[in-house]
Amino acid sequence: MAPPEDEFQALVEALAQQMRMSLNLSGSDPADVLRRGRYRLSRKLRRELDAMLDALARSSNPKLARQVDVARTRKTVEAATAQLKRVNLAKERNLRRYGIATSIAVNLAILVAGLAVLMVWLGVM
């Protein structure tokens, strides 16, 4: 069986790779990828990822590496991977575009209605 430090590093790298694929993130440093990708996850998982990033910083020191909880990291990676599988960037992008287009259309309709009311009030129409 691999030492806990090696297993921890492998789990962190696996989660970073999953985030690169699911969220289309770039970067070679797993800590950087986890920091940027954590905002796409739930609040509870963000806290767990923060703890994992702290543990990642501690794992570089041999004496502090003993404090790393590999079981907690394993649970966090499993939960984050399950949540990342549900992320659909194309759908979210399209929904954002539809929301912007809808707000523009509603604002234009309000503007046209206001101009029509103004023209009726002035007697032009």
Foldseek 3Di string as FASTA:
>chain_A
DDPLLVLLVVLLVVLLVLLCVLVVDDDDDSLVSLVVSLVVDDPVLSVLSVVSSVLVVQSVDVVSVVVDDSVSSVVSSVVSSVVSVPDDVVVVVVVVVVVVVVVVVVVVVVVVVVVVVVCVVVVVD
